[in-house]
Amino acid sequence: MQQTAVPDLAHTHARPIHWVATATALSAVLALSSVLQPEPATAVQAGPETRPAPSTCLL
Protein backbone atom coordinates (compact mmCIF):
# COMPACT_ATOMS: atom_id res chain seq x y z
CA MET A 1 0.00 0.00 0.00
CA GLN A 2 1.38 3.39 -0.96
CA GLN A 3 1.96 5.98 1.74
CA THR A 4 0.57 9.47 1.21
CA ALA A 5 2.90 12.43 1.21
CA VAL A 6 0.56 14.37 3.51
CA PRO A 7 0.62 13.38 7.18
CA ASP A 8 -2.61 12.29 8.83
CA LEU A 9 -4.67 15.25 9.93
CA ALA A 10 -6.05 15.47 13.44
CA HIS A 11 -9.61 16.12 12.27
CA THR A 12 -9.74 12.88 10.28
CA HIS A 13 -9.73 10.74 13.44
CA ALA A 14 -12.92 11.15 15.44
CA ARG A 15 -12.47 10.37 19.11
CA PRO A 16 -15.29 9.13 21.36
CA ILE A 17 -15.69 12.57 22.97
CA HIS A 18 -16.54 14.00 19.55
CA TRP A 19 -19.27 11.39 19.08
CA VAL A 20 -20.64 12.16 22.55
CA ALA A 21 -20.64 15.90 21.83
CA THR A 22 -22.36 15.35 18.48
CA ALA A 23 -25.00 13.09 20.02
CA THR A 24 -25.61 15.60 22.83
CA ALA A 25 -26.01 18.49 20.39
CA LEU A 26 -28.35 16.46 18.18
CA SER A 27 -30.44 15.45 21.20
CA ALA A 28 -30.69 19.07 22.30
CA VAL A 29 -31.87 20.18 18.86
CA LEU A 30 -34.48 17.43 18.72
CA ALA A 31 -35.72 18.20 22.23
CA LEU A 32 -36.03 21.91 21.49
CA SER A 33 -37.75 21.30 18.17
CA SER A 34 -40.41 19.20 19.90
CA VAL A 35 -41.04 21.94 22.50
CA LEU A 36 -40.81 25.02 20.28
CA GLN A 37 -43.48 24.39 17.68
CA PRO A 38 -44.97 27.23 15.62
CA GLU A 39 -48.56 28.24 16.14
CA PRO A 40 -51.02 26.46 13.85
CA ALA A 41 -51.79 28.40 10.72
CA THR A 42 -55.29 29.75 10.40
CA ALA A 43 -56.70 30.89 7.11
CA VAL A 44 -58.72 34.05 7.36
CA GLN A 45 -61.11 34.87 4.59
CA ALA A 46 -60.26 38.41 3.56
CA GLY A 47 -63.04 40.67 2.39
CA PRO A 48 -62.93 42.51 -0.91
CA GLU A 49 -60.12 45.00 -1.01
CA THR A 50 -60.97 48.61 -1.61
CA ARG A 51 -58.42 50.35 -3.74
CA PRO A 52 -58.32 54.05 -4.49
CA ALA A 53 -59.34 55.04 -7.99
CA PRO A 54 -56.44 55.28 -10.39
CA SER A 55 -55.05 58.74 -10.79
CA THR A 56 -55.74 60.39 -14.13
CA CYS A 57 -53.25 63.17 -13.58
CA LEU A 58 -50.60 63.10 -16.30
CA LEU A 59 -47.55 65.17 -15.50
PDB file of N, CA and C in Angstrom:
ATOM      1  N   MET A   1       0.850  -1.169   0.000  1.00  0.00           N
ATOM      2  CA  MET A   1       0.000   0.000   0.000  1.00  0.00           C
ATOM      3  C   MET A   1       0.897   1.233   0.000  1.00  0.00           C
ATOM      4  N   GLN A   2       0.558   2.182  -0.822  1.00  0.00           N
ATOM      5  CA  GLN A   2       1.376   3.387  -0.962  1.00  0.00           C
ATOM      6  C   GLN A   2       1.065   4.387   0.141  1.00  0.00           C
ATOM      7  N   GLN A   3       2.103   4.959   0.717  1.00  0.00           N
ATOM      8  CA  GLN A   3       1.961   5.977   1.745  1.00  0.00           C
ATOM      9  C   GLN A   3       1.664   7.315   1.095  1.00  0.00           C
ATOM     10  N   THR A   4       0.850   8.136   1.739  1.00  0.00           N
ATOM     11  CA  THR A   4       0.567   9.468   1.209  1.00  0.00           C
ATOM     12  C   THR A   4       1.653  10.424   1.665  1.00  0.00           C
ATOM     13  N   ALA A   5       1.881  11.448   0.879  1.00  0.00           N
ATOM     14  CA  ALA A   5       2.899  12.432   1.206  1.00  0.00           C
ATOM     15  C   ALA A   5       2.438  13.365   2.311  1.00  0.00           C
ATOM     16  N   VAL A   6       1.112  13.476   2.493  1.00  0.00           N
ATOM     17  CA  VAL A   6       0.559  14.367   3.508  1.00  0.00           C
ATOM     18  C   VAL A   6       0.368  13.576   4.800  1.00  0.00           C
ATOM     19  N   PRO A   7       0.826  14.113   5.924  1.00  0.00           N
ATOM     20  CA  PRO A   7       0.622  13.381   7.183  1.00  0.00           C
ATOM     21  C   PRO A   7      -0.862  13.354   7.549  1.00  0.00           C
ATOM     22  N   ASP A   8      -1.214  12.381   8.382  1.00  0.00           N
ATOM     23  CA  ASP A   8      -2.612  12.285   8.835  1.00  0.00           C
ATOM     24  C   ASP A   8      -3.009  13.553   9.577  1.00  0.00           C
ATOM     25  N   LEU A   9      -4.176  14.044   9.278  1.00  0.00           N
ATOM     26  CA  LEU A   9      -4.673  15.252   9.928  1.00  0.00           C
ATOM     27  C   LEU A   9      -5.444  14.875  11.183  1.00  0.00           C
ATOM     28  N   ALA A  10      -5.395  15.751  12.160  1.00  0.00           N
ATOM     29  CA  ALA A  10      -6.048  15.468  13.438  1.00  0.00           C
ATOM     30  C   ALA A  10      -7.559  15.352  13.285  1.00  0.00           C
ATOM     31  N   HIS A  11      -8.153  16.132  12.381  1.00  0.00           N
ATOM     32  CA  HIS A  11      -9.614  16.115  12.272  1.00  0.00           C
ATOM     33  C   HIS A  11     -10.143  14.919  11.489  1.00  0.00           C
ATOM     34  N   THR A  12      -9.267  14.065  10.997  1.00  0.00           N
ATOM     35  CA  THR A  12      -9.735  12.878  10.278  1.00  0.00           C
ATOM     36  C   THR A  12      -9.962  11.697  11.203  1.00  0.00           C
ATOM     37  N   HIS A  13      -9.567  11.827  12.467  1.00  0.00           N
ATOM     38  CA  HIS A  13      -9.735  10.741  13.436  1.00  0.00           C
ATOM     39  C   HIS A  13     -10.690  11.206  14.530  1.00  0.00           C
ATOM     40  N   ALA A  14     -11.927  10.751  14.441  1.00  0.00           N
ATOM     41  CA  ALA A  14     -12.920  11.150  15.440  1.00  0.00           C
ATOM     42  C   ALA A  14     -12.718  10.337  16.711  1.00  0.00           C
ATOM     43  N   ARG A  15     -12.626  11.027  17.807  1.00  0.00           N
ATOM     44  CA  ARG A  15     -12.473  10.372  19.106  1.00  0.00           C
ATOM     45  C   ARG A  15     -13.855  10.215  19.739  1.00  0.00           C
ATOM     46  N   PRO A  16     -13.974   9.345  20.730  1.00  0.00           N
ATOM     47  CA  PRO A  16     -15.289   9.129  21.361  1.00  0.00           C
ATOM     48  C   PRO A  16     -15.920  10.400  21.919  1.00  0.00           C
ATOM     49  N   ILE A  17     -15.115  11.330  22.421  1.00  0.00           N
ATOM     50  CA  ILE A  17     -15.689  12.565  22.966  1.00  0.00           C
ATOM     51  C   ILE A  17     -16.377  13.376  21.875  1.00  0.00           C
ATOM     52  N   HIS A  18     -15.884  13.285  20.657  1.00  0.00           N
ATOM     53  CA  HIS A  18     -16.540  13.998  19.551  1.00  0.00           C
ATOM     54  C   HIS A  18     -17.904  13.385  19.246  1.00  0.00           C
ATOM     55  N   TRP A  19     -17.988  12.046  19.323  1.00  0.00           N
ATOM     56  CA  TRP A  19     -19.270  11.391  19.085  1.00  0.00           C
ATOM     57  C   TRP A  19     -20.260  11.730  20.189  1.00  0.00           C
ATOM     58  N   VAL A  20     -19.772  11.804  21.431  1.00  0.00           N
ATOM     59  CA  VAL A  20     -20.642  12.160  22.550  1.00  0.00           C
ATOM     60  C   VAL A  20     -21.128  13.591  22.400  1.00  0.00           C
ATOM     61  N   ALA A  21     -20.244  14.504  22.015  1.00  0.00           N
ATOM     62  CA  ALA A  21     -20.638  15.903  21.831  1.00  0.00           C
ATOM     63  C   ALA A  21     -21.642  16.042  20.691  1.00  0.00           C
ATOM     64  N   THR A  22     -21.435  15.295  19.613  1.00  0.00           N
ATOM     65  CA  THR A  22     -22.364  15.349  18.477  1.00  0.00           C
ATOM     66  C   THR A  22     -23.730  14.790  18.876  1.00  0.00           C
ATOM     67  N   ALA A  23     -23.740  13.681  19.588  1.00  0.00           N
ATOM     68  CA  ALA A  23     -25.001  13.089  20.023  1.00  0.00           C
ATOM     69  C   ALA A  23     -25.739  14.005  20.998  1.00  0.00           C
ATOM     70  N   THR A  24     -24.993  14.672  21.876  1.00  0.00           N
ATOM     71  CA  THR A  24     -25.608  15.599  22.827  1.00  0.00           C
ATOM     72  C   THR A  24     -26.222  16.786  22.102  1.00  0.00           C
ATOM     73  N   ALA A  25     -25.493  17.341  21.142  1.00  0.00           N
ATOM     74  CA  ALA A  25     -26.010  18.488  20.388  1.00  0.00           C
ATOM     75  C   ALA A  25     -27.244  18.093  19.581  1.00  0.00           C
ATOM     76  N   LEU A  26     -27.207  16.926  18.967  1.00  0.00           N
ATOM     77  CA  LEU A  26     -28.353  16.463  18.181  1.00  0.00           C
ATOM     78  C   LEU A  26     -29.565  16.219  19.083  1.00  0.00           C
ATOM     79  N   SER A  27     -29.337  15.663  20.255  1.00  0.00           N
ATOM     80  CA  SER A  27     -30.439  15.447  21.204  1.00  0.00           C
ATOM     81  C   SER A  27     -31.042  16.770  21.664  1.00  0.00           C
ATOM     82  N   ALA A  28     -30.189  17.764  21.885  1.00  0.00           N
ATOM     83  CA  ALA A  28     -30.686  19.075  22.304  1.00  0.00           C
ATOM     84  C   ALA A  28     -31.536  19.710  21.208  1.00  0.00           C
ATOM     85  N   VAL A  29     -31.099  19.608  19.972  1.00  0.00           N
ATOM     86  CA  VAL A  29     -31.872  20.177  18.858  1.00  0.00           C
ATOM     87  C   VAL A  29     -33.213  19.473  18.724  1.00  0.00           C
ATOM     88  N   LEU A  30     -33.215  18.164  18.829  1.00  0.00           N
ATOM     89  CA  LEU A  30     -34.478  17.425  18.725  1.00  0.00           C
ATOM     90  C   LEU A  30     -35.417  17.752  19.880  1.00  0.00           C
ATOM     91  N   ALA A  31     -34.885  17.877  21.080  1.00  0.00           N
ATOM     92  CA  ALA A  31     -35.724  18.201  22.232  1.00  0.00           C
ATOM     93  C   ALA A  31     -36.323  19.597  22.087  1.00  0.00           C
ATOM     94  N   LEU A  32     -35.514  20.552  21.658  1.00  0.00           N
ATOM     95  CA  LEU A  32     -36.027  21.914  21.490  1.00  0.00           C
ATOM     96  C   LEU A  32     -37.040  21.997  20.352  1.00  0.00           C
ATOM     97  N   SER A  33     -36.816  21.242  19.293  1.00  0.00           N
ATOM     98  CA  SER A  33     -37.755  21.304  18.175  1.00  0.00           C
ATOM     99  C   SER A  33     -39.104  20.699  18.549  1.00  0.00           C
ATOM    100  N   SER A  34     -39.127  19.762  19.484  1.00  0.00           N
ATOM    101  CA  SER A  34     -40.412  19.198  19.900  1.00  0.00           C
ATOM    102  C   SER A  34     -41.146  20.134  20.856  1.00  0.00           C
ATOM    103  N   VAL A  35     -40.419  21.001  21.551  1.00  0.00           N
ATOM    104  CA  VAL A  35     -41.036  21.936  22.495  1.00  0.00           C
ATOM    105  C   VAL A  35     -41.432  23.230  21.797  1.00  0.00           C
ATOM    106  N   LEU A  36     -40.583  23.728  20.929  1.00  0.00           N
ATOM    107  CA  LEU A  36     -40.814  25.021  20.277  1.00  0.00           C
ATOM    108  C   LEU A  36     -41.459  24.825  18.915  1.00  0.00           C
ATOM    109  N   GLN A  37     -42.735  24.573  18.922  1.00  0.00           N
ATOM    110  CA  GLN A  37     -43.485  24.394  17.685  1.00  0.00           C
ATOM    111  C   GLN A  37     -44.164  25.712  17.313  1.00  0.00           C
ATOM    112  N   PRO A  38     -44.262  26.014  16.022  1.00  0.00           N
ATOM    113  CA  PRO A  38     -44.966  27.230  15.616  1.00  0.00           C
ATOM    114  C   PRO A  38     -46.468  27.101  15.867  1.00  0.00           C
ATOM    115  N   GLU A  39     -47.115  28.235  15.969  1.00  0.00           N
ATOM    116  CA  GLU A  39     -48.561  28.245  16.138  1.00  0.00           C
ATOM    117  C   GLU A  39     -49.216  27.663  14.885  1.00  0.00           C
ATOM    118  N   PRO A  40     -50.344  26.993  15.033  1.00  0.00           N
ATOM    119  CA  PRO A  40     -51.019  26.460  13.852  1.00  0.00           C
ATOM    120  C   PRO A  40     -51.499  27.596  12.947  1.00  0.00           C
ATOM    121  N   ALA A  41     -51.384  27.380  11.690  1.00  0.00           N
ATOM    122  CA  ALA A  41     -51.792  28.397  10.717  1.00  0.00           C
ATOM    123  C   ALA A  41     -53.310  28.419  10.624  1.00  0.00           C
ATOM    124  N   THR A  42     -53.851  29.606  10.568  1.00  0.00           N
ATOM    125  CA  THR A  42     -55.295  29.753  10.396  1.00  0.00           C
ATOM    126  C   THR A  42     -55.532  30.622   9.172  1.00  0.00           C
ATOM    127  N   ALA A  43     -56.367  30.140   8.309  1.00  0.00           N
ATOM    128  CA  ALA A  43     -56.696  30.890   7.113  1.00  0.00           C
ATOM    129  C   ALA A  43     -57.860  31.817   7.420  1.00  0.00           C
ATOM    130  N   VAL A  44     -57.673  33.067   7.128  1.00  0.00           N
ATOM    131  CA  VAL A  44     -58.717  34.054   7.363  1.00  0.00           C
ATOM    132  C   VAL A  44     -59.218  34.507   5.999  1.00  0.00           C
ATOM    133  N   GLN A  45     -60.522  34.439   5.849  1.00  0.00           N
ATOM    134  CA  GLN A  45     -61.108  34.873   4.586  1.00  0.00           C
ATOM    135  C   GLN A  45     -61.106  36.396   4.562  1.00  0.00           C
ATOM    136  N   ALA A  46     -60.338  36.955   3.663  1.00  0.00           N
ATOM    137  CA  ALA A  46     -60.265  38.407   3.557  1.00  0.00           C
ATOM    138  C   ALA A  46     -61.437  38.917   2.725  1.00  0.00           C
ATOM    139  N   GLY A  47     -61.951  40.051   3.138  1.00  0.00           N
ATOM    140  CA  GLY A  47     -63.041  40.667   2.389  1.00  0.00           C
ATOM    141  C   GLY A  47     -62.496  41.331   1.128  1.00  0.00           C
ATOM    142  N   PRO A  48     -63.386  41.860   0.324  1.00  0.00           N
ATOM    143  CA  PRO A  48     -62.929  42.512  -0.905  1.00  0.00           C
ATOM    144  C   PRO A  48     -62.078  43.736  -0.554  1.00  0.00           C
ATOM    145  N   GLU A  49     -60.996  43.865  -1.258  1.00  0.00           N
ATOM    146  CA  GLU A  49     -60.115  45.005  -1.010  1.00  0.00           C
ATOM    147  C   GLU A  49     -60.683  46.252  -1.682  1.00  0.00           C
ATOM    148  N   THR A  50     -60.558  47.355  -1.013  1.00  0.00           N
ATOM    149  CA  THR A  50     -60.968  48.613  -1.608  1.00  0.00           C
ATOM    150  C   THR A  50     -59.700  49.371  -1.975  1.00  0.00           C
ATOM    151  N   ARG A  51     -59.593  49.645  -3.251  1.00  0.00           N
ATOM    152  CA  ARG A  51     -58.416  50.348  -3.737  1.00  0.00           C
ATOM    153  C   ARG A  51     -58.849  51.753  -4.176  1.00  0.00           C
ATOM    154  N   PRO A  52     -57.973  52.714  -4.000  1.00  0.00           N
ATOM    155  CA  PRO A  52     -58.321  54.049  -4.487  1.00  0.00           C
ATOM    156  C   PRO A  52     -58.387  54.051  -6.021  1.00  0.00           C
ATOM    157  N   ALA A  53     -59.206  54.926  -6.538  1.00  0.00           N
ATOM    158  CA  ALA A  53     -59.345  55.041  -7.985  1.00  0.00           C
ATOM    159  C   ALA A  53     -58.020  55.442  -8.596  1.00  0.00           C
ATOM    160  N   PRO A  54     -57.705  54.923  -9.760  1.00  0.00           N
ATOM    161  CA  PRO A  54     -56.436  55.280 -10.389  1.00  0.00           C
ATOM    162  C   PRO A  54     -56.391  56.766 -10.704  1.00  0.00           C
ATOM    163  N   SER A  55     -55.237  57.319 -10.548  1.00  0.00           N
ATOM    164  CA  SER A  55     -55.055  58.740 -10.794  1.00  0.00           C
ATOM    165  C   SER A  55     -55.022  58.998 -12.290  1.00  0.00           C
ATOM    166  N   THR A  56     -55.727  60.037 -12.714  1.00  0.00           N
ATOM    167  CA  THR A  56     -55.736  60.391 -14.132  1.00  0.00           C
ATOM    168  C   THR A  56     -54.857  61.584 -14.411  1.00  0.00           C
ATOM    169  N   CYS A  57     -54.113  62.003 -13.429  1.00  0.00           N
ATOM    170  CA  CYS A  57     -53.248  63.174 -13.580  1.00  0.00           C
ATOM    171  C   CYS A  57     -51.994  62.767 -14.356  1.00  0.00           C
ATOM    172  N   LEU A  58     -51.794  63.378 -15.494  1.00  0.00           N
ATOM    173  CA  LEU A  58     -50.602  63.102 -16.301  1.00  0.00           C
ATOM    174  C   LEU A  58     -49.669  64.294 -16.177  1.00  0.00           C
ATOM    175  N   LEU A  59     -48.514  64.073 -15.663  1.00  0.00           N
ATOM    176  CA  LEU A  59     -47.550  65.171 -15.500  1.00  0.00           C
ATOM    177  C   LEU A  59     -46.660  65.305 -16.676  1.00  0.00           C
TER     178      LEU A  59
END
